């Protein structure tokens, strides 16, 4: 395989990995915020 093709696949893997890491971080932050600011008691 060409060296450029190998480099392209490495960049592709880093890009997809970054996308999934950011999606997981956003999901975890949204879960944390929903627990912190959850409605409590009868005033909800």
PDB file of N, CA and C in Angstrom:
ATOM      1  N   UNK A   1       0.845  -1.198   0.000  1.00  0.00           N
ATOM      2  CA  UNK A   1       0.000   0.000   0.000  1.00  0.00           C
ATOM      3  C   UNK A   1       0.881   1.249   0.000  1.00  0.00           C
ATOM      4  N   UNK A   2       0.346   2.288  -0.549  1.00  0.00           N
ATOM      5  CA  UNK A   2       1.063   3.545  -0.609  1.00  0.00           C
ATOM      6  C   UNK A   2       1.166   4.183   0.779  1.00  0.00           C
ATOM      7  N   UNK A   3       2.247   4.869   1.011  1.00  0.00           N
ATOM      8  CA  UNK A   3       2.442   5.541   2.304  1.00  0.00           C
ATOM      9  C   UNK A   3       1.382   6.617   2.527  1.00  0.00           C
ATOM     10  N   UNK A   4       0.969   7.285   1.448  1.00  0.00           N
ATOM     11  CA  UNK A   4      -0.078   8.301   1.570  1.00  0.00           C
ATOM     12  C   UNK A   4      -1.409   7.686   1.977  1.00  0.00           C
ATOM     13  N   UNK A   5      -1.699   6.496   1.462  1.00  0.00           N
ATOM     14  CA  UNK A   5      -2.949   5.827   1.805  1.00  0.00           C
ATOM     15  C   UNK A   5      -2.957   5.418   3.275  1.00  0.00           C
ATOM     16  N   UNK A   6      -1.828   4.936   3.765  1.00  0.00           N
ATOM     17  CA  UNK A   6      -1.730   4.560   5.177  1.00  0.00           C
ATOM     18  C   UNK A   6      -1.926   5.794   6.059  1.00  0.00           C
ATOM     19  N   UNK A   7      -1.314   6.890   5.693  1.00  0.00           N
ATOM     20  CA  UNK A   7      -1.479   8.136   6.448  1.00  0.00           C
ATOM     21  C   UNK A   7      -2.934   8.604   6.414  1.00  0.00           C
ATOM     22  N   UNK A   8      -3.572   8.446   5.260  1.00  0.00           N
ATOM     23  CA  UNK A   8      -4.974   8.844   5.141  1.00  0.00           C
ATOM     24  C   UNK A   8      -5.863   8.007   6.061  1.00  0.00           C
ATOM     25  N   UNK A   9      -5.604   6.699   6.141  1.00  0.00           N
ATOM     26  CA  UNK A   9      -6.390   5.851   7.042  1.00  0.00           C
ATOM     27  C   UNK A   9      -6.140   6.192   8.504  1.00  0.00           C
ATOM     28  N   UNK A  10      -4.912   6.557   8.849  1.00  0.00           N
ATOM     29  CA  UNK A  10      -4.624   6.981  10.222  1.00  0.00           C
ATOM     30  C   UNK A  10      -5.410   8.247  10.569  1.00  0.00           C
ATOM     31  N   UNK A  11      -5.430   9.200   9.659  1.00  0.00           N
ATOM     32  CA  UNK A  11      -6.189  10.428   9.890  1.00  0.00           C
ATOM     33  C   UNK A  11      -7.685  10.149   9.967  1.00  0.00           C
ATOM     34  N   UNK A  12      -8.167   9.224   9.140  1.00  0.00           N
ATOM     35  CA  UNK A  12      -9.570   8.840   9.183  1.00  0.00           C
ATOM     36  C   UNK A  12      -9.924   8.254  10.547  1.00  0.00           C
ATOM     37  N   UNK A  13      -9.078   7.380  11.069  1.00  0.00           N
ATOM     38  CA  UNK A  13      -9.315   6.788  12.379  1.00  0.00           C
ATOM     39  C   UNK A  13      -9.305   7.815  13.489  1.00  0.00           C
ATOM     40  N   UNK A  14      -8.369   8.747  13.425  1.00  0.00           N
ATOM     41  CA  UNK A  14      -8.305   9.802  14.440  1.00  0.00           C
ATOM     42  C   UNK A  14      -9.559  10.675  14.373  1.00  0.00           C
ATOM     43  N   UNK A  15     -10.005  10.980  13.170  1.00  0.00           N
ATOM     44  CA  UNK A  15     -11.193  11.819  13.008  1.00  0.00           C
ATOM     45  C   UNK A  15     -12.447  11.150  13.554  1.00  0.00           C
ATOM     46  N   UNK A  16     -12.671   9.893  13.188  1.00  0.00           N
ATOM     47  CA  UNK A  16     -13.850   9.173  13.690  1.00  0.00           C
ATOM     48  C   UNK A  16     -13.761   8.978  15.192  1.00  0.00           C
ATOM     49  N   UNK A  17     -12.576   8.667  15.687  1.00  0.00           N
ATOM     50  CA  UNK A  17     -12.406   8.522  17.128  1.00  0.00           C
ATOM     51  C   UNK A  17     -12.734   9.810  17.857  1.00  0.00           C
ATOM     52  N   UNK A  18     -12.290  10.921  17.318  1.00  0.00           N
ATOM     53  CA  UNK A  18     -12.583  12.221  17.928  1.00  0.00           C
ATOM     54  C   UNK A  18     -14.058  12.529  17.949  1.00  0.00           C
ATOM     55  N   UNK A  19     -14.745  12.183  16.870  1.00  0.00           N
ATOM     56  CA  UNK A  19     -16.194  12.419  16.807  1.00  0.00           C
ATOM     57  C   UNK A  19     -16.906  11.642  17.903  1.00  0.00           C
ATOM     58  N   UNK A  20     -16.558  10.366  18.062  1.00  0.00           N
ATOM     59  CA  UNK A  20     -17.228   9.547  19.070  1.00  0.00           C
ATOM     60  C   UNK A  20     -16.878   9.998  20.482  1.00  0.00           C
ATOM     61  N   UNK A  21     -15.644  10.428  20.712  1.00  0.00           N
ATOM     62  CA  UNK A  21     -15.261  10.930  22.036  1.00  0.00           C
ATOM     63  C   UNK A  21     -16.073  12.173  22.381  1.00  0.00           C
ATOM     64  N   UNK A  22     -16.207  13.094  21.445  1.00  0.00           N
ATOM     65  CA  UNK A  22     -16.983  14.313  21.692  1.00  0.00           C
ATOM     66  C   UNK A  22     -18.454  13.984  21.931  1.00  0.00           C
ATOM     67  N   UNK A  23     -19.008  13.039  21.164  1.00  0.00           N
ATOM     68  CA  UNK A  23     -20.412  12.655  21.367  1.00  0.00           C
ATOM     69  C   UNK A  23     -20.623  12.051  22.758  1.00  0.00           C
ATOM     70  N   UNK A  24     -19.689  11.232  23.220  1.00  0.00           N
ATOM     71  CA  UNK A  24     -19.803  10.629  24.548  1.00  0.00           C
ATOM     72  C   UNK A  24     -19.688  11.692  25.622  1.00  0.00           C
ATOM     73  N   UNK A  25     -18.778  12.659  25.449  1.00  0.00           N
ATOM     74  CA  UNK A  25     -18.631  13.739  26.433  1.00  0.00           C
ATOM     75  C   UNK A  25     -19.913  14.566  26.509  1.00  0.00           C
ATOM     76  N   UNK A  26     -20.491  14.917  25.373  1.00  0.00           N
ATOM     77  CA  UNK A  26     -21.732  15.696  25.367  1.00  0.00           C
ATOM     78  C   UNK A  26     -22.851  14.917  26.049  1.00  0.00           C
ATOM     79  N   UNK A  27     -22.927  13.611  25.792  1.00  0.00           N
ATOM     80  CA  UNK A  27     -23.951  12.768  26.417  1.00  0.00           C
ATOM     81  C   UNK A  27     -23.777  12.743  27.934  1.00  0.00           C
ATOM     82  N   UNK A  28     -22.548  12.563  28.398  1.00  0.00           N
ATOM     83  CA  UNK A  28     -22.300  12.499  29.838  1.00  0.00           C
ATOM     84  C   UNK A  28     -22.583  13.841  30.516  1.00  0.00           C
ATOM     85  N   UNK A  29     -22.226  14.936  29.860  1.00  0.00           N
ATOM     86  CA  UNK A  29     -22.508  16.257  30.424  1.00  0.00           C
ATOM     87  C   UNK A  29     -24.010  16.498  30.497  1.00  0.00           C
ATOM     88  N   UNK A  30     -24.746  16.079  29.477  1.00  0.00           N
ATOM     89  CA  UNK A  30     -26.201  16.266  29.513  1.00  0.00           C
ATOM     90  C   UNK A  30     -26.836  15.415  30.605  1.00  0.00           C
ATOM     91  N   UNK A  31     -26.327  14.195  30.824  1.00  0.00           N
ATOM     92  CA  UNK A  31     -26.835  13.385  31.931  1.00  0.00           C
ATOM     93  C   UNK A  31     -26.556  14.056  33.281  1.00  0.00           C
ATOM     94  N   UNK A  32     -25.346  14.566  33.442  1.00  0.00           N
ATOM     95  CA  UNK A  32     -24.991  15.224  34.698  1.00  0.00           C
ATOM     96  C   UNK A  32     -25.852  16.462  34.938  1.00  0.00           C
ATOM     97  N   UNK A  33     -26.076  17.253  33.904  1.00  0.00           N
ATOM     98  CA  UNK A  33     -26.898  18.451  34.061  1.00  0.00           C
ATOM     99  C   UNK A  33     -28.345  18.096  34.375  1.00  0.00           C
ATOM    100  N   UNK A  34     -28.857  17.024  33.792  1.00  0.00           N
ATOM    101  CA  UNK A  34     -30.240  16.642  34.084  1.00  0.00           C
ATOM    102  C   UNK A  34     -30.375  16.138  35.515  1.00  0.00           C
ATOM    103  N   UNK A  35     -29.320  15.545  36.063  1.00  0.00           N
ATOM    104  CA  UNK A  35     -29.373  15.112  37.454  1.00  0.00           C
ATOM    105  C   UNK A  35     -29.200  16.297  38.414  1.00  0.00           C
ATOM    106  N   UNK A  36     -28.339  17.234  38.050  1.00  0.00           N
ATOM    107  CA  UNK A  36     -28.103  18.402  38.925  1.00  0.00           C
ATOM    108  C   UNK A  36     -29.343  19.295  38.975  1.00  0.00           C
ATOM    109  N   UNK A  37     -29.954  19.538  37.838  1.00  0.00           N
ATOM    110  CA  UNK A  37     -31.084  20.463  37.760  1.00  0.00           C
ATOM    111  C   UNK A  37     -32.430  19.749  37.634  1.00  0.00           C
ATOM    112  N   UNK A  38     -32.533  18.553  38.188  1.00  0.00           N
ATOM    113  CA  UNK A  38     -33.781  17.805  38.135  1.00  0.00           C
ATOM    114  C   UNK A  38     -34.836  18.494  38.994  1.00  0.00           C
ATOM    115  N   UNK A  39     -36.070  18.500  38.529  1.00  0.00           N
ATOM    116  CA  UNK A  39     -37.153  19.090  39.354  1.00  0.00           C
ATOM    117  C   UNK A  39     -37.359  18.273  40.623  1.00  0.00           C
ATOM    118  N   UNK A  40     -37.569  18.985  41.728  1.00  0.00           N
ATOM    119  CA  UNK A  40     -37.743  18.317  43.010  1.00  0.00           C
ATOM    120  C   UNK A  40     -39.038  18.752  43.668  1.00  0.00           C
ATOM    121  N   UNK A  41     -39.691  17.817  44.308  1.00  0.00           N
ATOM    122  CA  UNK A  41     -40.848  18.139  45.141  1.00  0.00           C
ATOM    123  C   UNK A  41     -42.077  18.517  44.353  1.00  0.00           C
ATOM    124  N   UNK A  42     -43.080  19.042  45.060  1.00  0.00           N
ATOM    125  CA  UNK A  42     -44.370  19.365  44.433  1.00  0.00           C
ATOM    126  C   UNK A  42     -44.349  20.609  43.546  1.00  0.00           C
ATOM    127  N   UNK A  43     -43.303  21.429  43.646  1.00  0.00           N
ATOM    128  CA  UNK A  43     -43.272  22.653  42.817  1.00  0.00           C
ATOM    129  C   UNK A  43     -42.962  22.355  41.371  1.00  0.00           C
ATOM    130  N   UNK A  44     -42.618  21.124  41.044  1.00  0.00           N
ATOM    131  CA  UNK A  44     -42.251  20.773  39.670  1.00  0.00           C
ATOM    132  C   UNK A  44     -43.434  20.758  38.769  1.00  0.00           C
TER     133      UNK A  44
END
